[in-house]
Amino acid sequence: MQPNIKAWFEDLNSKFNLVEVNFFADFSHKSLADEIGRIRLYSNKIIDTRSPNGVQKDFTDFIILDNMYQKALSSDDIEVFILFSGDGHFGSVTSFLKNFYHKQVVIYGVNGSFSKQLKETANVFYTLPTEQDINESFYKHIFDYLKNSPSPTYNEAIEVAAKKSRGNASKQKITSAMKTLMENNVISERSIAKSKGKKQKLLFVNWEMAEKYIAKSE
């Protein structure tokens, strides 16, 4: 899944007064280099951690650690450190910040690769992606099907969206996303009369309401 930077900023700005946000990565990788444009919408503090002289070693962790220690030592006015990483290597620095510098440490880590030790060192931790993030990643597939099908049905929408996710989603997860859209009256299911008195259940979309959900999935 593509990181939802916009949602992260909205969430953090509702809880904290953000004064500095840094992004660290080896941007020599094309998949990450392509993200720079998205990142610049929110911060110009982009630190390229690519190895010098072509050395095949990832220095990202070391550079982040150095930045955190320097920031703690030089900025007494900063009260909260927020880290987006589940890597257990950050356990020592988060423990240091919390226990010796009396800072609040908030950590966001990815489900399945979030160190238990790191969770225990944080004041607060959150696991990503959230259920909302997961649902939003499927909205585009659902709406693409609904736009292109002359007679969209519920079961076919689930099948097509699951195939388009290329194995990243079970039908159960797609169904959960669809349920959210229907509960919010973005999509409705109605029985339509067919020939010989038969009826068929088809899906209908409130496209004006759908626009905000489409925007979230882009």
Protein backbone atom coordinates (compact mmCIF):
# COMPACT_ATOMS: atom_id res chain seq x y z
CA MET A 1 0.00 0.00 0.00
CA GLN A 2 1.14 3.53 -0.72
CA PRO A 3 1.69 5.54 2.49
CA ASN A 4 -1.17 7.94 3.17
CA ILE A 5 0.93 11.00 4.01
CA LYS A 6 -2.04 13.38 3.87
CA ALA A 7 -3.99 11.36 6.45
CA TRP A 8 -0.94 11.15 8.72
CA PHE A 9 -0.48 14.92 8.71
CA GLU A 10 -4.16 15.57 9.35
CA ASP A 11 -4.12 13.12 12.27
CA LEU A 12 -0.91 14.47 13.80
CA ASN A 13 -1.91 18.12 13.39
CA SER A 14 -5.11 17.37 15.31
CA LYS A 15 -3.03 16.08 18.24
CA PHE A 16 0.22 18.05 18.20
CA ASN A 17 1.83 21.31 17.13
CA LEU A 18 4.23 19.97 14.51
CA VAL A 19 7.40 22.06 14.26
CA GLU A 20 9.58 19.84 12.06
CA VAL A 21 9.05 16.76 9.91
CA ASN A 22 11.93 14.85 8.31
CA PHE A 23 11.73 12.08 5.71
CA PHE A 24 14.64 9.63 5.47
CA ALA A 25 15.22 7.15 2.64
CA ASP A 26 17.69 5.86 0.10
CA PHE A 27 16.18 7.71 -2.85
CA SER A 28 18.45 5.97 -5.35
CA HIS A 29 15.67 3.38 -5.52
CA LYS A 30 13.28 4.48 -8.26
CA SER A 31 10.17 3.49 -6.31
CA LEU A 32 11.24 5.87 -3.53
CA ALA A 33 12.53 8.60 -5.84
CA ASP A 34 9.05 8.79 -7.35
CA GLU A 35 7.67 9.59 -3.88
CA ILE A 36 9.68 12.81 -3.50
CA GLY A 37 7.04 14.86 -5.31
CA ARG A 38 4.33 13.67 -2.90
CA ILE A 39 6.55 14.26 0.12
CA ARG A 40 7.36 17.85 -0.91
CA LEU A 41 3.69 18.77 -0.53
CA TYR A 42 4.20 18.38 3.22
CA SER A 43 7.89 18.91 3.96
CA ASN A 44 11.11 20.01 2.25
CA LYS A 45 13.23 18.26 4.86
CA ILE A 46 14.03 15.19 2.75
CA ILE A 47 17.23 13.40 3.75
CA ASP A 48 18.75 11.07 1.15
CA THR A 49 20.51 8.25 2.99
CA ARG A 50 22.06 6.50 -0.02
CA SER A 51 25.44 4.91 0.69
CA PRO A 52 28.53 6.88 -0.37
CA ASN A 53 30.87 5.56 -3.06
CA GLY A 54 28.46 2.81 -4.06
CA VAL A 55 28.83 0.87 -0.80
CA GLN A 56 26.05 -1.74 -0.59
CA LYS A 57 24.89 -0.88 2.92
CA ASP A 58 21.76 0.90 4.10
CA PHE A 59 22.71 3.77 6.42
CA THR A 60 19.15 4.98 6.93
CA ASP A 61 18.83 3.72 10.53
CA PHE A 62 22.13 5.28 11.58
CA ILE A 63 21.26 8.64 10.05
CA ILE A 64 17.83 8.71 11.70
CA LEU A 65 19.38 7.79 15.08
CA ASP A 66 22.00 10.53 14.75
CA ASN A 67 19.32 13.06 13.86
CA MET A 68 17.16 12.08 16.85
CA TYR A 69 20.01 12.31 19.35
CA GLN A 70 21.19 15.65 17.97
CA LYS A 71 17.67 17.05 18.03
CA ALA A 72 17.16 15.95 21.64
CA LEU A 73 20.46 17.49 22.75
CA SER A 74 20.01 20.79 20.92
CA SER A 75 16.26 21.45 21.23
CA ASP A 76 15.00 21.46 24.81
CA ASP A 77 11.74 23.08 23.69
CA ILE A 78 10.64 20.00 21.73
CA GLU A 79 8.33 17.96 23.92
CA VAL A 80 7.28 15.11 21.64
CA PHE A 81 9.18 12.89 19.22
CA ILE A 82 7.11 10.97 16.68
CA LEU A 83 8.77 8.09 14.85
CA PHE A 84 7.39 6.20 11.85
CA SER A 85 9.25 2.90 12.08
CA GLY A 86 8.70 -0.49 13.68
CA ASP A 87 12.41 -1.33 13.69
CA GLY A 88 13.62 -2.62 17.05
CA HIS A 89 16.95 -0.79 16.53
CA PHE A 90 15.18 2.37 17.70
CA GLY A 91 14.39 0.91 21.12
CA SER A 92 17.47 2.44 22.77
CA VAL A 93 16.93 5.97 21.49
CA THR A 94 13.23 5.99 22.37
CA SER A 95 14.04 4.70 25.85
CA PHE A 96 16.72 7.40 26.19
CA LEU A 97 14.34 10.16 25.10
CA LYS A 98 11.58 9.02 27.43
CA ASN A 99 13.54 8.08 30.55
CA PHE A 100 16.46 10.52 30.54
CA TYR A 101 15.15 13.52 28.60
CA HIS A 102 11.54 13.11 29.74
CA LYS A 103 10.17 13.45 26.22
CA GLN A 104 6.95 11.89 25.03
CA VAL A 105 7.64 9.30 22.33
CA VAL A 106 4.91 8.33 19.86
CA ILE A 107 5.61 5.50 17.42
CA TYR A 108 3.79 4.33 14.29
CA GLY A 109 4.79 0.90 12.96
CA VAL A 110 3.60 -1.40 10.20
CA ASN A 111 1.58 -4.44 11.22
CA GLY A 112 3.68 -7.59 10.98
CA SER A 113 7.02 -5.77 11.28
CA PHE A 114 6.55 -3.82 14.49
CA SER A 115 9.08 -4.73 17.21
CA LYS A 116 7.49 -5.69 20.53
CA GLN A 117 10.43 -4.11 22.36
CA LEU A 118 9.95 -0.84 20.48
CA LYS A 119 6.26 -0.77 21.42
CA GLU A 120 7.20 -1.18 25.09
CA THR A 121 9.60 1.79 25.00
CA ALA A 122 7.00 4.18 23.56
CA ASN A 123 4.56 6.33 25.52
CA VAL A 124 1.99 5.64 22.80
CA PHE A 125 2.13 3.47 19.69
CA TYR A 126 -0.15 2.95 16.69
CA THR A 127 -0.20 0.12 14.17
CA LEU A 128 -0.51 0.85 10.45
CA PRO A 129 -2.34 0.47 8.18
CA THR A 130 -5.55 1.28 10.03
CA GLU A 131 -8.82 -0.33 8.98
CA GLN A 132 -9.74 2.96 7.35
CA ASP A 133 -6.48 2.96 5.35
CA ILE A 134 -7.16 -0.57 4.15
CA ASN A 135 -10.72 0.24 3.09
CA GLU A 136 -9.65 3.40 1.26
CA SER A 137 -7.06 1.50 -0.77
CA PHE A 138 -9.90 -0.58 -2.26
CA TYR A 139 -12.30 2.25 -3.09
CA LYS A 140 -10.63 2.97 -6.45
CA HIS A 141 -11.09 -0.61 -7.65
CA ILE A 142 -14.75 -0.62 -6.60
CA PHE A 143 -15.53 2.72 -8.27
CA ASP A 144 -13.61 1.80 -11.45
CA TYR A 145 -15.84 -1.25 -11.81
CA LEU A 146 -19.01 0.75 -11.14
CA LYS A 147 -18.07 3.37 -13.75
CA ASN A 148 -17.44 0.80 -16.46
CA SER A 149 -20.17 -1.76 -15.86
CA PRO A 150 -23.58 -1.15 -17.50
CA SER A 151 -25.28 -3.46 -15.00
CA PRO A 152 -23.17 -3.51 -11.83
CA THR A 153 -23.96 -6.12 -9.21
CA TYR A 154 -22.74 -6.53 -5.66
CA ASN A 155 -21.05 -9.92 -6.09
CA GLU A 156 -19.36 -8.95 -9.35
CA ALA A 157 -18.06 -5.72 -7.78
CA ILE A 158 -16.40 -7.73 -5.01
CA GLU A 159 -14.93 -10.24 -7.47
CA VAL A 160 -13.51 -7.60 -9.83
CA ALA A 161 -12.07 -5.42 -7.03
CA ALA A 162 -10.40 -8.46 -5.45
CA LYS A 163 -8.77 -9.38 -8.79
CA LYS A 164 -7.58 -5.81 -9.39
CA SER A 165 -5.90 -5.72 -5.99
CA ARG A 166 -3.60 -8.48 -7.33
CA GLY A 167 -3.65 -10.65 -4.25
CA ASN A 168 -3.31 -7.77 -1.79
CA ALA A 169 -6.84 -8.20 -0.50
CA SER A 170 -9.19 -10.98 0.44
CA LYS A 171 -12.84 -10.81 -0.58
CA GLN A 172 -13.61 -10.26 3.10
CA LYS A 173 -11.60 -7.02 3.11
CA ILE A 174 -13.17 -5.82 -0.12
CA THR A 175 -16.60 -6.61 1.35
CA SER A 176 -15.73 -4.52 4.41
CA ALA A 177 -14.86 -1.56 2.18
CA MET A 178 -18.08 -2.00 0.22
CA LYS A 179 -20.08 -2.17 3.46
CA THR A 180 -18.61 1.17 4.55
CA LEU A 181 -19.64 2.79 1.26
CA MET A 182 -23.17 1.39 1.51
CA GLU A 183 -23.59 2.39 5.15
CA ASN A 184 -22.66 5.95 4.18
CA ASN A 185 -25.21 5.91 1.32
CA VAL A 186 -22.52 6.33 -1.33
CA ILE A 187 -23.60 3.06 -2.95
CA SER A 188 -27.09 1.58 -2.82
CA GLU A 189 -28.57 -1.67 -4.07
CA ARG A 190 -32.00 -1.69 -5.72
CA SER A 191 -34.19 -4.29 -7.40
CA ILE A 192 -34.87 -3.48 -11.05
CA ALA A 193 -37.60 -5.11 -13.12
CA LYS A 194 -36.32 -7.22 -16.01
CA SER A 195 -38.14 -9.02 -18.81
CA LYS A 196 -40.90 -11.55 -18.02
CA GLY A 197 -41.49 -10.07 -14.60
CA LYS A 198 -38.06 -11.02 -13.25
CA LYS A 199 -36.08 -8.67 -11.05
CA GLN A 200 -32.35 -8.09 -10.70
CA LYS A 201 -30.47 -6.34 -7.92
CA LEU A 202 -28.15 -3.63 -9.27
CA LEU A 203 -25.81 -1.12 -7.64
CA PHE A 204 -26.26 2.63 -7.91
CA VAL A 205 -23.74 5.32 -6.98
CA ASN A 206 -24.14 8.81 -5.59
CA TRP A 207 -21.17 10.16 -7.57
CA GLU A 208 -21.19 13.52 -5.84
CA MET A 209 -20.62 11.78 -2.49
CA ALA A 210 -18.24 9.30 -4.10
CA GLU A 211 -15.79 12.02 -5.14
CA LYS A 212 -14.38 12.45 -1.61
CA TYR A 213 -13.82 8.70 -1.32
CA ILE A 214 -12.14 8.59 -4.74
CA ALA A 215 -9.87 11.46 -3.68
CA LYS A 216 -8.80 9.52 -0.58
CA SER A 217 -7.81 6.51 -2.65
CA GLU A 218 -5.62 8.49 -5.09
